[in-house]
Amino acid sequence: QVQLVESGGGLVQPGGSLRLSCAASGFTFSRFAMTWYRQDLGKERELVATIRTGGTTNYADSVKGRFTISRDNAKNTVYLQMNSLKPEDTAVYYCNCNAGGRPRWGQGTQVTVSS
């Protein structure tokens, strides 16, 4: 079955960096676009970044120039490198794809940016 497992979250000071990973299984990873979303308490889930099968990317305006999404098809893994983190980046981060004709989600990983 399709499975997405996020990791790499944690507590970091403002200005710091984290790299999130999402390990995928149960589908042909290289054939699907992969997306990172985030959701903070009391807020709607928002798209952070997408990487398509050919490697093209797009980002939310709020993270452009600070976050980088990448993928390793050999490892069935998508990454989110987050630099210059701000308190407003605090959220649970989820990876997503539409394998099998419906949205698939991982369990999420908490990122907290605080001094």
N, C-alpha and C. Protein backbone atom coordinates (compact mmCIF):
# COMPACT_ATOMS: atom_id res chain seq x y z
N GLN A 1 0.84 -1.19 0.00
CA GLN A 1 0.00 0.00 0.00
C GLN A 1 0.88 1.24 0.00
N VAL A 2 0.28 2.35 -0.44
CA VAL A 2 1.01 3.61 -0.48
C VAL A 2 1.33 4.06 0.94
N GLN A 3 2.58 4.44 1.14
CA GLN A 3 3.00 4.92 2.44
C GLN A 3 3.97 6.08 2.27
N LEU A 4 3.76 7.12 3.05
CA LEU A 4 4.64 8.28 3.08
C LEU A 4 5.05 8.50 4.53
N VAL A 5 6.34 8.57 4.77
CA VAL A 5 6.84 8.72 6.14
C VAL A 5 7.79 9.91 6.20
N GLU A 6 7.35 10.95 6.90
CA GLU A 6 8.18 12.16 7.05
C GLU A 6 9.10 12.03 8.26
N SER A 7 10.22 12.72 8.19
CA SER A 7 11.16 12.78 9.30
C SER A 7 11.99 14.05 9.17
N GLY A 8 12.72 14.37 10.25
CA GLY A 8 13.65 15.49 10.19
C GLY A 8 13.20 16.75 10.90
N GLY A 9 11.98 16.75 11.42
CA GLY A 9 11.50 17.93 12.13
C GLY A 9 12.19 18.08 13.47
N GLY A 10 11.90 19.20 14.13
CA GLY A 10 12.49 19.45 15.43
C GLY A 10 12.36 20.90 15.84
N LEU A 11 13.07 21.24 16.90
CA LEU A 11 13.10 22.60 17.43
C LEU A 11 14.38 23.28 16.93
N VAL A 12 14.23 24.46 16.36
CA VAL A 12 15.38 25.19 15.83
C VAL A 12 15.20 26.67 16.13
N GLN A 13 16.31 27.37 16.32
CA GLN A 13 16.25 28.80 16.57
C GLN A 13 15.99 29.57 15.28
N PRO A 14 15.41 30.75 15.39
CA PRO A 14 15.26 31.58 14.19
C PRO A 14 16.59 31.77 13.48
N GLY A 15 16.54 31.67 12.15
CA GLY A 15 17.75 31.76 11.35
C GLY A 15 18.42 30.43 11.10
N GLY A 16 17.96 29.40 11.77
CA GLY A 16 18.55 28.07 11.62
C GLY A 16 18.03 27.33 10.42
N SER A 17 18.48 26.08 10.30
CA SER A 17 18.13 25.24 9.16
C SER A 17 17.68 23.86 9.62
N LEU A 18 16.85 23.25 8.79
CA LEU A 18 16.45 21.85 8.96
C LEU A 18 16.29 21.24 7.57
N ARG A 19 16.47 19.93 7.50
CA ARG A 19 16.15 19.22 6.27
C ARG A 19 15.14 18.12 6.59
N LEU A 20 13.99 18.23 5.95
CA LEU A 20 12.95 17.22 6.09
C LEU A 20 13.10 16.17 4.99
N SER A 21 12.73 14.95 5.33
CA SER A 21 12.72 13.85 4.36
C SER A 21 11.35 13.20 4.36
N CYS A 22 10.97 12.68 3.20
CA CYS A 22 9.73 11.91 3.09
C CYS A 22 10.05 10.65 2.29
N ALA A 23 10.01 9.52 2.97
CA ALA A 23 10.29 8.23 2.32
C ALA A 23 8.98 7.64 1.81
N ALA A 24 8.95 7.31 0.53
CA ALA A 24 7.74 6.82 -0.12
C ALA A 24 7.87 5.34 -0.45
N SER A 25 6.73 4.63 -0.42
CA SER A 25 6.71 3.23 -0.81
C SER A 25 5.32 2.86 -1.29
N GLY A 26 5.25 1.75 -2.03
CA GLY A 26 3.95 1.26 -2.47
C GLY A 26 3.47 1.80 -3.80
N PHE A 27 4.29 2.60 -4.47
CA PHE A 27 3.94 3.11 -5.79
C PHE A 27 5.23 3.47 -6.52
N THR A 28 5.09 3.74 -7.82
CA THR A 28 6.27 4.09 -8.63
C THR A 28 6.57 5.56 -8.43
N PHE A 29 7.46 5.82 -7.50
CA PHE A 29 7.74 7.18 -7.02
C PHE A 29 8.09 8.13 -8.15
N SER A 30 8.91 7.69 -9.08
CA SER A 30 9.42 8.58 -10.13
C SER A 30 8.33 9.11 -11.05
N ARG A 31 7.15 8.52 -11.01
CA ARG A 31 6.07 8.91 -11.92
C ARG A 31 5.13 9.95 -11.33
N PHE A 32 5.40 10.39 -10.11
CA PHE A 32 4.46 11.29 -9.45
C PHE A 32 5.13 12.56 -8.95
N ALA A 33 4.41 13.68 -9.13
CA ALA A 33 4.82 14.90 -8.46
C ALA A 33 4.68 14.72 -6.96
N MET A 34 5.55 15.38 -6.23
CA MET A 34 5.51 15.31 -4.76
C MET A 34 5.42 16.73 -4.21
N THR A 35 4.65 16.88 -3.16
CA THR A 35 4.40 18.20 -2.60
C THR A 35 4.58 18.18 -1.09
N TRP A 36 5.15 19.25 -0.57
CA TRP A 36 5.18 19.49 0.88
C TRP A 36 4.10 20.52 1.21
N TYR A 37 3.32 20.21 2.25
CA TYR A 37 2.35 21.12 2.82
C TYR A 37 2.73 21.35 4.28
N ARG A 38 2.14 22.39 4.86
CA ARG A 38 2.29 22.59 6.29
C ARG A 38 0.98 23.11 6.89
N GLN A 39 0.83 22.85 8.18
CA GLN A 39 -0.37 23.32 8.88
C GLN A 39 -0.02 23.64 10.32
N ASP A 40 -0.32 24.86 10.70
CA ASP A 40 -0.12 25.28 12.08
C ASP A 40 -1.46 25.23 12.79
N LEU A 41 -1.42 25.20 14.11
CA LEU A 41 -2.65 25.10 14.89
C LEU A 41 -3.61 26.24 14.54
N GLY A 42 -4.85 25.88 14.27
CA GLY A 42 -5.87 26.88 13.98
C GLY A 42 -5.81 27.49 12.60
N LYS A 43 -4.91 26.99 11.77
CA LYS A 43 -4.77 27.55 10.42
C LYS A 43 -5.06 26.46 9.38
N GLU A 44 -5.33 26.91 8.17
CA GLU A 44 -5.55 25.96 7.08
C GLU A 44 -4.21 25.38 6.60
N ARG A 45 -4.31 24.17 6.06
CA ARG A 45 -3.12 23.57 5.48
C ARG A 45 -2.72 24.35 4.23
N GLU A 46 -1.44 24.65 4.07
CA GLU A 46 -0.99 25.42 2.93
C GLU A 46 0.11 24.70 2.17
N LEU A 47 0.11 24.89 0.86
CA LEU A 47 1.15 24.29 0.02
C LEU A 47 2.45 25.04 0.23
N VAL A 48 3.53 24.29 0.41
CA VAL A 48 4.85 24.89 0.61
C VAL A 48 5.67 24.80 -0.68
N ALA A 49 5.78 23.60 -1.24
CA ALA A 49 6.61 23.42 -2.43
C ALA A 49 6.21 22.13 -3.14
N THR A 50 6.37 22.14 -4.46
CA THR A 50 6.08 20.98 -5.29
C THR A 50 7.27 20.71 -6.21
N ILE A 51 7.55 19.43 -6.41
CA ILE A 51 8.53 19.04 -7.42
C ILE A 51 7.87 18.02 -8.35
N ARG A 52 7.95 18.28 -9.65
CA ARG A 52 7.30 17.42 -10.63
C ARG A 52 8.24 16.31 -11.07
N THR A 53 7.74 15.43 -11.91
CA THR A 53 8.54 14.28 -12.30
C THR A 53 9.79 14.67 -13.06
N GLY A 54 9.72 15.76 -13.81
CA GLY A 54 10.88 16.21 -14.57
C GLY A 54 11.84 17.06 -13.76
N GLY A 55 11.47 17.34 -12.51
CA GLY A 55 12.35 18.11 -11.64
C GLY A 55 11.98 19.58 -11.51
N THR A 56 10.97 20.04 -12.25
CA THR A 56 10.58 21.44 -12.10
C THR A 56 9.92 21.64 -10.74
N THR A 57 10.07 22.84 -10.22
CA THR A 57 9.61 23.11 -8.86
C THR A 57 8.78 24.39 -8.81
N ASN A 58 7.95 24.51 -7.80
CA ASN A 58 7.34 25.79 -7.48
C ASN A 58 7.19 25.89 -5.96
N TYR A 59 7.14 27.13 -5.50
CA TYR A 59 7.17 27.41 -4.06
C TYR A 59 6.11 28.43 -3.69
N ALA A 60 5.66 28.35 -2.45
CA ALA A 60 4.85 29.42 -1.89
C ALA A 60 5.72 30.68 -1.79
N ASP A 61 5.10 31.83 -1.99
CA ASP A 61 5.86 33.08 -1.92
C ASP A 61 6.57 33.24 -0.58
N SER A 62 5.96 32.74 0.46
CA SER A 62 6.50 32.93 1.81
C SER A 62 7.80 32.17 2.05
N VAL A 63 8.13 31.19 1.20
CA VAL A 63 9.34 30.40 1.42
C VAL A 63 10.34 30.53 0.27
N LYS A 64 9.99 31.23 -0.79
CA LYS A 64 10.91 31.37 -1.93
C LYS A 64 12.24 31.96 -1.48
N GLY A 65 13.31 31.36 -1.96
CA GLY A 65 14.64 31.83 -1.63
C GLY A 65 15.18 31.28 -0.32
N ARG A 66 14.32 30.61 0.46
CA ARG A 66 14.76 30.04 1.74
C ARG A 66 14.66 28.51 1.76
N PHE A 67 13.65 27.98 1.08
CA PHE A 67 13.41 26.53 1.07
C PHE A 67 13.76 25.98 -0.32
N THR A 68 14.23 24.73 -0.32
CA THR A 68 14.52 24.03 -1.57
C THR A 68 13.96 22.62 -1.50
N ILE A 69 13.12 22.28 -2.47
CA ILE A 69 12.60 20.92 -2.56
C ILE A 69 13.44 20.14 -3.57
N SER A 70 13.69 18.88 -3.28
CA SER A 70 14.44 18.03 -4.19
C SER A 70 13.95 16.59 -4.04
N ARG A 71 14.35 15.75 -4.98
CA ARG A 71 13.93 14.35 -4.92
C ARG A 71 15.07 13.46 -5.36
N ASP A 72 15.07 12.25 -4.80
CA ASP A 72 16.03 11.21 -5.19
C ASP A 72 15.20 10.00 -5.57
N ASN A 73 15.01 9.80 -6.87
CA ASN A 73 14.16 8.71 -7.33
C ASN A 73 14.76 7.34 -7.01
N ALA A 74 16.06 7.26 -6.90
CA ALA A 74 16.70 5.99 -6.56
C ALA A 74 16.39 5.58 -5.12
N LYS A 75 16.14 6.58 -4.27
CA LYS A 75 15.85 6.31 -2.86
C LYS A 75 14.37 6.48 -2.53
N ASN A 76 13.56 6.82 -3.55
CA ASN A 76 12.13 7.04 -3.31
C ASN A 76 11.89 8.05 -2.19
N THR A 77 12.63 9.13 -2.24
CA THR A 77 12.59 10.10 -1.16
C THR A 77 12.53 11.52 -1.72
N VAL A 78 11.72 12.35 -1.08
CA VAL A 78 11.66 13.77 -1.38
C VAL A 78 12.14 14.54 -0.15
N TYR A 79 12.85 15.63 -0.39
CA TYR A 79 13.46 16.41 0.68
C TYR A 79 12.93 17.84 0.66
N LEU A 80 13.02 18.47 1.81
CA LEU A 80 12.76 19.90 1.89
C LEU A 80 13.86 20.51 2.76
N GLN A 81 14.77 21.22 2.10
CA GLN A 81 15.82 21.95 2.82
C GLN A 81 15.28 23.31 3.21
N MET A 82 15.29 23.60 4.48
CA MET A 82 14.72 24.84 4.99
C MET A 82 15.82 25.65 5.67
N ASN A 83 16.11 26.81 5.11
CA ASN A 83 17.12 27.70 5.66
C ASN A 83 16.47 29.00 6.12
N SER A 84 17.22 29.76 6.91
CA SER A 84 16.74 31.07 7.40
C SER A 84 15.34 30.94 7.99
N LEU A 85 15.16 29.97 8.83
CA LEU A 85 13.84 29.69 9.38
C LEU A 85 13.35 30.83 10.26
N LYS A 86 12.03 31.04 10.20
CA LYS A 86 11.37 32.10 10.95
C LYS A 86 10.32 31.47 11.88
N PRO A 87 9.95 32.18 12.93
CA PRO A 87 8.91 31.63 13.82
C PRO A 87 7.62 31.29 13.07
N GLU A 88 7.31 32.04 12.04
CA GLU A 88 6.08 31.77 11.28
C GLU A 88 6.17 30.52 10.42
N ASP A 89 7.34 29.88 10.36
CA ASP A 89 7.47 28.60 9.67
C ASP A 89 7.06 27.44 10.58
N THR A 90 6.79 27.72 11.83
CA THR A 90 6.36 26.68 12.76
C THR A 90 5.07 26.04 12.29
N ALA A 91 5.07 24.72 12.18
CA ALA A 91 3.91 23.97 11.69
C ALA A 91 4.24 22.49 11.69
N VAL A 92 3.22 21.70 11.44
CA VAL A 92 3.44 20.30 11.08
C VAL A 92 3.58 20.24 9.57
N TYR A 93 4.63 19.61 9.10
CA TYR A 93 4.92 19.51 7.68
C TYR A 93 4.54 18.11 7.19
N TYR A 94 3.80 18.09 6.07
CA TYR A 94 3.31 16.84 5.50
C TYR A 94 3.79 16.70 4.06
N CYS A 95 4.08 15.47 3.66
CA CYS A 95 4.32 15.27 2.25
C CYS A 95 3.09 14.62 1.63
N ASN A 96 2.94 14.83 0.35
CA ASN A 96 1.70 14.49 -0.35
C ASN A 96 1.98 14.07 -1.78
N CYS A 97 1.19 13.11 -2.26
CA CYS A 97 1.17 12.81 -3.69
C CYS A 97 -0.21 12.28 -4.03
N ASN A 98 -0.48 12.09 -5.32
CA ASN A 98 -1.78 11.59 -5.75
C ASN A 98 -1.67 10.21 -6.36
N ALA A 99 -0.89 9.36 -5.76
CA ALA A 99 -0.74 7.99 -6.24
C ALA A 99 -2.05 7.23 -6.08
N GLY A 100 -2.40 6.44 -7.06
CA GLY A 100 -3.62 5.65 -6.98
C GLY A 100 -4.88 6.47 -7.13
N GLY A 101 -4.74 7.67 -7.68
CA GLY A 101 -5.92 8.46 -8.01
C GLY A 101 -6.55 9.24 -6.87
N ARG A 102 -5.90 9.27 -5.73
CA ARG A 102 -6.42 10.09 -4.62
C ARG A 102 -5.26 10.63 -3.80
N PRO A 103 -5.51 11.71 -3.08
CA PRO A 103 -4.43 12.31 -2.28
C PRO A 103 -3.94 11.35 -1.20
N ARG A 104 -2.64 11.31 -1.05
CA ARG A 104 -2.01 10.48 -0.02
C ARG A 104 -1.21 11.40 0.90
N TRP A 105 -1.25 11.10 2.18
CA TRP A 105 -0.58 11.94 3.17
C TRP A 105 0.24 11.08 4.11
N GLY A 106 1.34 11.66 4.58
CA GLY A 106 2.09 11.04 5.67
C GLY A 106 1.52 11.50 7.00
N GLN A 107 2.20 11.11 8.07
CA GLN A 107 1.72 11.44 9.42
C GLN A 107 2.17 12.84 9.84
N GLY A 108 3.12 13.40 9.11
CA GLY A 108 3.60 14.74 9.42
C GLY A 108 4.79 14.73 10.36
N THR A 109 5.56 15.83 10.30
CA THR A 109 6.68 16.03 11.22
C THR A 109 6.64 17.47 11.72
N GLN A 110 6.78 17.63 13.02
CA GLN A 110 6.64 18.96 13.64
C GLN A 110 7.92 19.76 13.49
N VAL A 111 7.76 20.99 13.02
CA VAL A 111 8.87 21.95 12.98
C VAL A 111 8.49 23.12 13.87
N THR A 112 9.34 23.42 14.83
CA THR A 112 9.11 24.54 15.74
C THR A 112 10.31 25.46 15.68
N VAL A 113 10.05 26.73 15.34
CA VAL A 113 11.11 27.73 15.24
C VAL A 113 10.91 28.71 16.38
N SER A 114 11.81 28.67 17.33
CA SER A 114 11.65 29.48 18.53
C SER A 114 13.00 29.67 19.21
N SER A 115 13.15 30.83 19.85
CA SER A 115 14.37 31.08 20.63
C SER A 115 14.14 30.71 22.09
